[in-house]
Amino acid sequence: MSADLRPYSDDGLYRSRWRSALRVVFTRVLLRALIASLVSVRTIRSPGLADVDGGFVLVANHSSHLDAPVLAQALPQRLAKFLATGVASDYFFTRALPKLFTRTAFNAFPIDRKRGGPNSGLSGRLLAAGTPILVFPEATRSRTGRMQDFSLGPAALAMAQDVPVLPVALIGTHEAMPKGRRWPVPGRPPVTVVFGEPLWGSADETYAAFTGRIQRTVAALYAQHHPSGATLGRPGSADEGSSAADEGSSAADGWAEDPDTYDRSKES
């Protein structure tokens, strides 16, 4: 029997002050202490981050279950206060413990994999209300650490709601906890979180063009700050065996099935 997700389609739920206060304790105290005991995190923030306010779309490369927790603690608190993370409704919102954890830790909102679900358009409503959202445009964790194609979703949402995209490069999370591991490797491996300058879509830019610009920015941040100058690989080369329906993937799984958020005439 499917869970009733209608209560979670109320965008006001994600700006609850008492829930935000609870997340501060959980992510900035408890989770931060745990993450610090497992990996050594370094954060680099662009000057333009200081000018970001209100709604925005936070995007990053995705290759580890460490990605969302590391991002949650690296983002300045004024921007992370109401940050909402989109998760697959049929995986994270149908079981009590995953729902409790993701709602508490990441202000998670459900995304339907199939069109016409009860949460259709919720991403856009959250942004319109000034709530920033976290989206992993690759939809599933990379098996190799090399970047897969970004979906059009984040660019489309940002352009439709006239908000910026905040690109982030996550360096070292794959090496610390690659797909298939349940716990990070020992020895507190280094992880770097690099926040780039905010990106805005232009009026004459297609979703595909803006998506390409976002992906190139993430790749450039990664290469620039990787200690050995390594790259994320050639954008457009998807990993063998990866699937957007990967059951264990977090954050943006199923985002592409949210069809009521953008003008399809700009898809290409």
Protein backbone atom coordinates (compact mmCIF):
# COMPACT_ATOMS: atom_id res chain seq x y z
CA MET A 1 0.00 0.00 0.00
CA SER A 2 1.47 3.37 -1.03
CA ALA A 3 2.05 6.12 1.50
CA ASP A 4 -0.10 9.23 1.50
CA LEU A 5 2.29 11.97 0.36
CA ARG A 6 -0.22 14.79 0.14
CA PRO A 7 0.88 16.46 3.40
CA TYR A 8 4.40 16.77 1.98
CA SER A 9 3.25 18.72 -1.08
CA ASP A 10 2.66 21.83 1.07
CA ASP A 11 5.60 24.13 0.31
CA GLY A 12 5.17 25.92 3.66
CA LEU A 13 6.26 22.77 5.47
CA TYR A 14 9.82 23.27 4.26
CA ARG A 15 10.18 26.72 5.85
CA SER A 16 9.27 25.58 9.36
CA ARG A 17 11.45 27.42 11.88
CA TRP A 18 11.32 24.73 14.54
CA ARG A 19 12.33 22.09 11.99
CA SER A 20 15.16 24.37 10.87
CA ALA A 21 16.35 24.70 14.48
CA LEU A 22 16.27 20.91 14.83
CA ARG A 23 18.35 20.54 11.65
CA VAL A 24 20.96 22.93 13.03
CA VAL A 25 21.45 20.65 16.02
CA PHE A 26 21.46 17.54 13.86
CA THR A 27 23.62 18.70 10.93
CA ARG A 28 25.83 21.37 12.52
CA VAL A 29 26.55 19.52 15.75
CA LEU A 30 25.85 15.77 15.60
CA LEU A 31 26.37 15.11 11.88
CA ARG A 32 29.34 17.47 11.68
CA ALA A 33 31.07 15.63 14.52
CA LEU A 34 30.44 12.30 12.82
CA ILE A 35 31.65 13.52 9.42
CA ALA A 36 34.76 15.07 11.01
CA SER A 37 35.61 11.73 12.59
CA LEU A 38 35.37 9.94 9.22
CA VAL A 39 36.82 12.37 6.65
CA SER A 40 38.89 15.55 6.63
CA VAL A 41 36.74 18.26 5.01
CA ARG A 42 38.08 21.45 3.40
CA THR A 43 35.66 24.09 2.10
CA ILE A 44 36.38 26.69 -0.60
CA ARG A 45 33.76 29.39 -1.26
CA SER A 46 33.67 31.88 -4.11
CA PRO A 47 33.21 35.59 -3.27
CA GLY A 48 29.86 35.60 -5.09
CA LEU A 49 28.39 33.27 -2.50
CA ALA A 50 27.99 36.27 -0.20
CA ASP A 51 25.48 37.82 -2.64
CA VAL A 52 23.21 34.77 -2.85
CA ASP A 53 19.88 35.14 -1.08
CA GLY A 54 16.45 33.55 -1.26
CA GLY A 55 15.80 30.69 -3.66
CA PHE A 56 18.56 29.02 -5.65
CA VAL A 57 19.33 25.60 -7.14
CA LEU A 58 22.37 23.93 -5.58
CA VAL A 59 23.96 21.39 -7.96
CA ALA A 60 26.98 19.12 -7.56
CA ASN A 61 28.63 16.05 -9.02
CA HIS A 62 27.40 12.88 -7.35
CA SER A 63 29.38 9.73 -6.62
CA SER A 64 28.93 8.94 -2.92
CA HIS A 65 26.45 8.76 -0.05
CA LEU A 66 28.78 11.30 1.60
CA ASP A 67 27.80 14.00 -0.90
CA ALA A 68 24.60 15.29 0.71
CA PRO A 69 25.88 15.23 4.34
CA VAL A 70 29.12 17.00 3.37
CA LEU A 71 27.21 19.64 1.40
CA ALA A 72 24.76 20.17 4.27
CA GLN A 73 27.53 21.16 6.65
CA ALA A 74 29.72 23.06 4.16
CA LEU A 75 27.02 25.49 2.98
CA PRO A 76 26.87 28.67 5.13
CA GLN A 77 24.06 28.41 7.65
CA ARG A 78 22.18 31.45 6.32
CA LEU A 79 21.84 29.62 2.98
CA ALA A 80 21.37 26.15 4.46
CA LYS A 81 18.62 27.20 6.89
CA PHE A 82 15.73 26.14 4.64
CA LEU A 83 17.65 24.17 1.99
CA ALA A 84 15.36 21.37 0.76
CA THR A 85 16.69 18.19 -0.84
CA GLY A 86 14.63 16.35 -3.45
CA VAL A 87 14.49 12.58 -2.96
CA ALA A 88 12.66 9.77 -4.73
CA SER A 89 9.23 9.47 -3.11
CA ASP A 90 8.90 5.76 -3.81
CA TYR A 91 12.12 4.96 -1.96
CA PHE A 92 12.61 7.49 0.83
CA PHE A 93 8.98 8.34 1.65
CA THR A 94 7.50 4.84 1.80
CA ARG A 95 9.54 3.57 4.75
CA ALA A 96 9.50 5.13 8.21
CA LEU A 97 13.23 5.27 9.01
CA PRO A 98 14.50 6.64 5.65
CA LYS A 99 11.71 9.24 5.66
CA LEU A 100 12.46 10.30 9.26
CA PHE A 101 16.19 10.58 8.59
CA THR A 102 15.98 12.49 5.30
CA ARG A 103 13.22 14.81 6.55
CA THR A 104 15.17 15.58 9.74
CA ALA A 105 18.66 15.87 8.30
CA PHE A 106 18.06 17.29 4.82
CA ASN A 107 14.59 18.90 4.81
CA ALA A 108 13.75 16.31 2.14
CA PHE A 109 10.81 16.72 -0.20
CA PRO A 110 9.35 13.90 -2.33
CA ILE A 111 9.85 13.74 -6.08
CA ASP A 112 7.68 11.41 -8.13
CA ARG A 113 9.40 9.16 -10.67
CA LYS A 114 6.16 8.99 -12.67
CA ARG A 115 4.25 11.91 -14.14
CA GLY A 116 1.04 13.11 -12.59
CA GLY A 117 2.02 12.23 -9.02
CA PRO A 118 0.82 14.16 -5.97
CA ASN A 119 4.08 16.12 -5.80
CA SER A 120 4.21 17.29 -9.41
CA GLY A 121 5.57 20.83 -9.59
CA LEU A 122 6.67 20.95 -5.94
CA SER A 123 10.26 21.84 -6.87
CA GLY A 124 9.07 24.95 -8.69
CA ARG A 125 6.70 25.95 -5.89
CA LEU A 126 9.50 25.72 -3.35
CA LEU A 127 11.76 27.98 -5.41
CA ALA A 128 8.90 30.43 -6.00
CA ALA A 129 8.43 30.63 -2.22
CA GLY A 130 12.12 31.45 -1.75
CA THR A 131 13.17 27.98 -0.60
CA PRO A 132 16.52 26.83 -2.07
CA ILE A 133 16.76 23.24 -3.27
CA LEU A 134 19.58 20.72 -3.70
CA VAL A 135 19.60 18.67 -6.89
CA PHE A 136 22.14 16.12 -8.13
CA PRO A 137 21.75 16.45 -11.94
CA GLU A 138 23.36 13.09 -12.67
CA ALA A 139 20.35 11.51 -10.92
CA THR A 140 22.39 8.60 -9.56
CA ARG A 141 25.80 8.12 -8.01
CA SER A 142 28.63 7.55 -10.47
CA ARG A 143 30.20 4.11 -10.10
CA THR A 144 33.64 5.33 -11.17
CA GLY A 145 33.70 8.92 -9.92
CA ARG A 146 33.61 10.22 -13.49
CA MET A 147 30.86 12.71 -14.20
CA GLN A 148 27.77 11.58 -16.12
CA ASP A 149 25.51 13.77 -18.24
CA PHE A 150 23.51 16.36 -16.30
CA SER A 151 19.75 16.33 -16.73
CA LEU A 152 18.00 19.48 -17.97
CA GLY A 153 16.03 19.75 -14.73
CA PRO A 154 18.15 22.10 -12.60
CA ALA A 155 18.74 24.55 -15.47
CA ALA A 156 15.07 24.48 -16.43
CA LEU A 157 13.91 25.07 -12.87
CA ALA A 158 16.33 27.94 -12.34
CA MET A 159 15.35 29.67 -15.58
CA ALA A 160 11.62 29.14 -15.03
CA GLN A 161 11.79 30.63 -11.52
CA ASP A 162 14.46 33.26 -12.32
CA VAL A 163 16.86 32.07 -9.62
CA PRO A 164 20.60 31.30 -9.81
CA VAL A 165 22.28 27.93 -9.96
CA LEU A 166 25.02 27.47 -7.38
CA PRO A 167 27.58 25.01 -8.81
CA VAL A 168 29.60 22.83 -6.44
CA ALA A 169 32.47 20.43 -7.05
CA LEU A 170 32.84 17.57 -4.59
CA ILE A 171 36.40 16.25 -4.55
CA GLY A 172 37.36 13.07 -2.72
CA THR A 173 33.93 11.78 -1.71
CA HIS A 174 34.13 8.98 -4.27
CA GLU A 175 37.54 7.89 -3.00
CA ALA A 176 36.33 8.13 0.60
CA MET A 177 33.11 6.19 0.13
CA PRO A 178 32.48 4.89 -3.40
CA LYS A 179 29.23 3.35 -4.48
CA GLY A 180 28.84 -0.05 -2.84
CA ARG A 181 30.49 0.85 0.48
CA ARG A 182 28.33 1.26 3.57
CA TRP A 183 30.97 3.21 5.48
CA PRO A 184 33.92 5.47 4.50
CA VAL A 185 37.38 3.99 4.14
CA PRO A 186 39.53 4.31 7.28
CA GLY A 187 42.11 7.04 7.84
CA ARG A 188 39.97 10.21 7.47
CA PRO A 189 40.58 10.66 3.73
CA PRO A 190 40.54 14.26 2.42
CA VAL A 191 37.36 15.74 0.95
CA THR A 192 37.11 19.21 -0.62
CA VAL A 193 33.87 21.11 -1.25
CA VAL A 194 34.25 23.93 -3.80
CA PHE A 195 31.44 26.47 -4.21
CA GLY A 196 31.63 28.33 -7.52
CA GLU A 197 30.17 31.66 -8.57
CA PRO A 198 26.37 31.74 -9.02
CA LEU A 199 25.21 31.12 -12.59
CA TRP A 200 22.15 32.67 -14.23
CA GLY A 201 20.47 31.49 -17.40
CA SER A 202 20.17 34.10 -20.13
CA ALA A 203 16.94 34.91 -21.98
CA ASP A 204 18.24 33.55 -25.31
CA GLU A 205 19.81 30.41 -23.80
CA THR A 206 18.19 27.00 -24.15
CA TYR A 207 17.95 24.62 -21.23
CA ALA A 208 20.49 22.37 -22.92
CA ALA A 209 22.97 25.22 -23.37
CA PHE A 210 22.61 26.35 -19.76
CA THR A 211 22.93 22.75 -18.58
CA GLY A 212 26.17 22.40 -20.53
CA ARG A 213 27.51 25.59 -18.98
CA ILE A 214 26.65 24.36 -15.47
CA GLN A 215 28.32 21.00 -16.10
CA ARG A 216 31.46 22.59 -17.52
CA THR A 217 31.67 24.88 -14.49
CA VAL A 218 31.47 21.96 -12.05
CA ALA A 219 34.13 20.08 -14.03
CA ALA A 220 36.41 23.15 -14.10
CA LEU A 221 36.08 23.68 -10.33
CA TYR A 222 36.95 20.03 -9.77
CA ALA A 223 40.05 20.14 -11.99
CA GLN A 224 41.20 23.49 -10.59
CA HIS A 225 41.13 22.38 -6.96
CA HIS A 226 41.97 18.68 -7.20
CA PRO A 227 45.39 18.17 -5.57
CA SER A 228 46.73 16.24 -8.56
CA GLY A 229 44.80 18.14 -11.24
CA ALA A 230 42.58 15.15 -12.00
CA THR A 231 39.38 15.70 -13.97
CA LEU A 232 35.84 14.39 -13.78
CA GLY A 233 36.15 12.90 -17.23
CA ARG A 234 34.58 13.93 -20.50
CA PRO A 235 31.05 15.25 -19.96
CA GLY A 236 28.68 13.06 -21.88
CA SER A 237 30.41 9.74 -21.13
CA ALA A 238 27.94 7.90 -18.92
CA ASP A 239 29.11 5.07 -16.70
CA GLU A 240 28.32 1.51 -17.68
CA GLY A 241 25.53 0.01 -15.66
CA SER A 242 24.37 3.26 -14.10
CA SER A 243 20.66 3.90 -13.87
CA ALA A 244 18.53 6.88 -12.90
CA ALA A 245 16.34 4.44 -11.09
CA ASP A 246 19.19 3.25 -8.86
CA GLU A 247 17.44 2.40 -5.64
CA GLY A 248 20.21 3.57 -3.37
CA SER A 249 20.83 6.95 -4.95
CA SER A 250 19.99 10.06 -2.99
CA ALA A 251 18.82 13.58 -3.63
CA ALA A 252 17.59 14.03 -7.21
CA ASP A 253 16.39 10.56 -8.17
CA GLY A 254 13.17 10.90 -10.13
CA TRP A 255 13.47 14.67 -10.58
CA ALA A 256 12.98 14.42 -14.35
CA GLU A 257 9.45 13.15 -13.81
CA ASP A 258 8.37 16.53 -12.38
CA PRO A 259 6.85 17.84 -15.64
CA ASP A 260 5.04 21.02 -14.61
CA THR A 261 7.99 23.26 -13.83
CA TYR A 262 9.27 24.60 -17.12
CA ASP A 263 8.62 25.66 -20.70
CA ARG A 264 9.35 22.66 -22.94
CA SER A 265 9.94 24.93 -25.96
CA LYS A 266 13.40 25.72 -24.52
CA GLU A 267 14.48 22.10 -24.08
CA SER A 268 16.80 22.19 -27.07
